[in-house]
Every structure is written in C-alpha cells, then in structure tokens.
Amino acid sequence: MMETREYIAIIPARKYSKRIKNKNILKIKGKMIFDYTLDAAKKSKKISKIIVSTDIEKLLKKDSERILYSQRPKNLCQDNSSTESVISYTVSYYKDIFKK
C-alpha cells in the first residue's frame, strides 16, 4: 500500500522589507503581491494546509480549514531574522499539525 503524504506550506510575510517598503501589500493589477503567493499555494493539489506567518495586520484573516494565520512574534520580524528561524518557530508552534 502506498503512503499518502500531506504537504504543508509555510508562507512568511514580514511587514518591513529592506529594499521595498511594504512589498507584500503593494498591488500589481489591483491585487496584493502576497495574494499571488497565497493563490499559488491554494491551487496546488499537493498542499493540504497553508500557514501564513506574518506581522501584517491586513494579512491576518480568519483561519479556515486549510489556511492558518499566525501572528509572528516581534523578535522574528527584524532585519536579521532568518527565514529558517521563522520556519522553525512555526513548526514548533503548530507541532500537532506536523505530527500527523
């Protein structure tokens, strides 16, 4: 019997960018840049859960069955905060999801 894998996408989206101010909420053709990333994850047939880790109020929406919105701690919103540290925090915060 073949094992079915579940894939979880973690999308980090920080408010302040070093190069482009508020880049995640800037609009291109009337749509926030962040929404292009989220829509691509939603369209994937392999991704069963999406976790958005952000400090941007506009992006903190109501959790749905498939999408979780996580308020990222301030210490992980700094210029020197690595993507790896955000992923590590998110995995430990949602450890019950990752145990399945």
C-alpha atoms as a PDB file:
ATOM      1  CA  MET A   1       0.000   0.000   0.000  1.00  0.00           C
ATOM      2  CA  MET A   2       1.394   3.385  -0.991  1.00  0.00           C
ATOM      3  CA  GLU A   3       1.687   6.011   1.741  1.00  0.00           C
ATOM      4  CA  THR A   4      -0.135   9.276   1.081  1.00  0.00           C
ATOM      5  CA  ARG A   5       1.896  12.302   2.074  1.00  0.00           C
ATOM      6  CA  GLU A   6       0.450  15.571   3.225  1.00  0.00           C
ATOM      7  CA  TYR A   7       2.312  18.750   2.404  1.00  0.00           C
ATOM      8  CA  ILE A   8       2.152  21.903   4.483  1.00  0.00           C
ATOM      9  CA  ALA A   9       3.192  25.267   3.033  1.00  0.00           C
ATOM     10  CA  ILE A  10       4.579  27.942   5.330  1.00  0.00           C
ATOM     11  CA  ILE A  11       4.431  31.431   3.857  1.00  0.00           C
ATOM     12  CA  PRO A  12       6.495  34.014   5.745  1.00  0.00           C
ATOM     13  CA  ALA A  13       5.400  37.607   5.081  1.00  0.00           C
ATOM     14  CA  ARG A  14       7.078  40.387   7.045  1.00  0.00           C
ATOM     15  CA  LYS A  15       5.834  43.975   7.222  1.00  0.00           C
ATOM     16  CA  TYR A  16       9.090  45.818   6.707  1.00  0.00           C
ATOM     17  CA  SER A  17      11.305  44.899   3.811  1.00  0.00           C
ATOM     18  CA  LYS A  18      14.874  46.096   3.446  1.00  0.00           C
ATOM     19  CA  ARG A  19      14.557  47.055  -0.205  1.00  0.00           C
ATOM     20  CA  ILE A  20      10.885  47.651  -1.000  1.00  0.00           C
ATOM     21  CA  LYS A  21       8.683  49.228   1.667  1.00  0.00           C
ATOM     22  CA  ASN A  22       5.506  47.205   2.380  1.00  0.00           C
ATOM     23  CA  LYS A  23       6.209  44.953  -0.604  1.00  0.00           C
ATOM     24  CA  ASN A  24       3.763  42.208   0.459  1.00  0.00           C
ATOM     25  CA  ILE A  25       0.783  44.574   0.391  1.00  0.00           C
ATOM     26  CA  LEU A  26       1.773  46.528  -2.719  1.00  0.00           C
ATOM     27  CA  LYS A  27      -0.661  45.970  -5.538  1.00  0.00           C
ATOM     28  CA  ILE A  28       0.020  44.815  -9.053  1.00  0.00           C
ATOM     29  CA  LYS A  29      -3.006  44.838 -11.347  1.00  0.00           C
ATOM     30  CA  GLY A  30      -5.232  45.512  -8.332  1.00  0.00           C
ATOM     31  CA  LYS A  31      -4.003  42.505  -6.338  1.00  0.00           C
ATOM     32  CA  MET A  32      -1.592  42.452  -3.382  1.00  0.00           C
ATOM     33  CA  ILE A  33       1.744  40.784  -4.156  1.00  0.00           C
ATOM     34  CA  PHE A  34       1.170  38.461  -1.181  1.00  0.00           C
ATOM     35  CA  ASP A  35      -2.104  37.224  -2.706  1.00  0.00           C
ATOM     36  CA  TYR A  36      -0.255  35.881  -5.753  1.00  0.00           C
ATOM     37  CA  THR A  37       1.794  33.634  -3.433  1.00  0.00           C
ATOM     38  CA  LEU A  38      -1.237  32.552  -1.407  1.00  0.00           C
ATOM     39  CA  ASP A  39      -3.270  31.806  -4.542  1.00  0.00           C
ATOM     40  CA  ALA A  40      -0.455  29.647  -5.955  1.00  0.00           C
ATOM     41  CA  ALA A  41      -0.339  27.634  -2.720  1.00  0.00           C
ATOM     42  CA  LYS A  42      -4.139  27.263  -2.732  1.00  0.00           C
ATOM     43  CA  LYS A  43      -4.100  25.965  -6.320  1.00  0.00           C
ATOM     44  CA  SER A  44      -1.565  23.253  -5.519  1.00  0.00           C
ATOM     45  CA  LYS A  45      -3.238  19.869  -5.270  1.00  0.00           C
ATOM     46  CA  LYS A  46      -0.391  18.565  -3.081  1.00  0.00           C
ATOM     47  CA  ILE A  47      -0.616  21.189  -0.322  1.00  0.00           C
ATOM     48  CA  SER A  48      -3.160  20.236   2.321  1.00  0.00           C
ATOM     49  CA  LYS A  49      -2.503  23.085   4.800  1.00  0.00           C
ATOM     50  CA  ILE A  50      -1.123  26.589   4.440  1.00  0.00           C
ATOM     51  CA  ILE A  51       0.313  28.529   7.361  1.00  0.00           C
ATOM     52  CA  VAL A  52       0.847  32.265   6.905  1.00  0.00           C
ATOM     53  CA  SER A  53       3.370  33.676   9.394  1.00  0.00           C
ATOM     54  CA  THR A  54       3.089  37.457   9.401  1.00  0.00           C
ATOM     55  CA  ASP A  55       3.139  40.701  11.354  1.00  0.00           C
ATOM     56  CA  ILE A  56       0.977  42.469   8.757  1.00  0.00           C
ATOM     57  CA  GLU A  57      -2.494  43.177  10.140  1.00  0.00           C
ATOM     58  CA  LYS A  58      -4.050  43.249   6.641  1.00  0.00           C
ATOM     59  CA  LEU A  59      -2.908  39.670   6.071  1.00  0.00           C
ATOM     60  CA  LEU A  60      -4.208  38.285   9.361  1.00  0.00           C
ATOM     61  CA  LYS A  61      -7.508  36.850   8.262  1.00  0.00           C
ATOM     62  CA  LYS A  62      -9.844  34.363   9.847  1.00  0.00           C
ATOM     63  CA  ASP A  63      -8.438  30.840   9.885  1.00  0.00           C
ATOM     64  CA  SER A  64     -10.103  28.425   7.540  1.00  0.00           C
ATOM     65  CA  GLU A  65      -9.935  24.659   7.401  1.00  0.00           C
ATOM     66  CA  ARG A  66      -6.989  24.810   5.025  1.00  0.00           C
ATOM     67  CA  ILE A  67      -5.307  28.130   5.914  1.00  0.00           C
ATOM     68  CA  LEU A  68      -3.957  29.164   9.317  1.00  0.00           C
ATOM     69  CA  TYR A  69      -2.853  32.719  10.001  1.00  0.00           C
ATOM     70  CA  SER A  70      -0.167  33.096  12.627  1.00  0.00           C
ATOM     71  CA  GLN A  71       0.822  36.385  14.289  1.00  0.00           C
ATOM     72  CA  ARG A  72       4.599  36.321  14.079  1.00  0.00           C
ATOM     73  CA  PRO A  73       6.464  37.390  17.253  1.00  0.00           C
ATOM     74  CA  LYS A  74       8.292  40.736  17.047  1.00  0.00           C
ATOM     75  CA  ASN A  75      11.687  39.092  17.605  1.00  0.00           C
ATOM     76  CA  LEU A  76      11.186  37.227  14.307  1.00  0.00           C
ATOM     77  CA  CYS A  77      10.314  40.407  12.384  1.00  0.00           C
ATOM     78  CA  GLN A  78      13.739  42.021  12.490  1.00  0.00           C
ATOM     79  CA  ASP A  79      16.097  42.622   9.565  1.00  0.00           C
ATOM     80  CA  ASN A  80      18.397  39.937  10.933  1.00  0.00           C
ATOM     81  CA  SER A  81      15.616  37.360  11.464  1.00  0.00           C
ATOM     82  CA  SER A  82      16.196  34.409   9.175  1.00  0.00           C
ATOM     83  CA  THR A  83      13.586  32.536   7.213  1.00  0.00           C
ATOM     84  CA  GLU A  84      14.891  29.385   8.903  1.00  0.00           C
ATOM     85  CA  SER A  85      14.096  30.806  12.358  1.00  0.00           C
ATOM     86  CA  VAL A  86      10.563  31.719  11.244  1.00  0.00           C
ATOM     87  CA  ILE A  87      10.014  28.211   9.821  1.00  0.00           C
ATOM     88  CA  SER A  88      11.434  26.600  12.968  1.00  0.00           C
ATOM     89  CA  TYR A  89       9.183  28.716  15.208  1.00  0.00           C
ATOM     90  CA  THR A  90       6.124  27.959  13.073  1.00  0.00           C
ATOM     91  CA  VAL A  91       6.775  24.204  13.062  1.00  0.00           C
ATOM     92  CA  SER A  92       7.202  24.143  16.850  1.00  0.00           C
ATOM     93  CA  TYR A  93       4.130  26.366  17.381  1.00  0.00           C
ATOM     94  CA  TYR A  94       1.962  24.111  15.204  1.00  0.00           C
ATOM     95  CA  LYS A  95       3.696  20.864  16.208  1.00  0.00           C
ATOM     96  CA  ASP A  96       0.394  18.970  16.459  1.00  0.00           C
ATOM     97  CA  ILE A  97      -0.264  19.554  12.753  1.00  0.00           C
ATOM     98  CA  PHE A  98       3.188  18.263  11.842  1.00  0.00           C
ATOM     99  CA  LYS A  99       2.826  15.071  13.941  1.00  0.00           C
ATOM    100  CA  LYS A 100       0.079  13.656  11.729  1.00  0.00           C
END
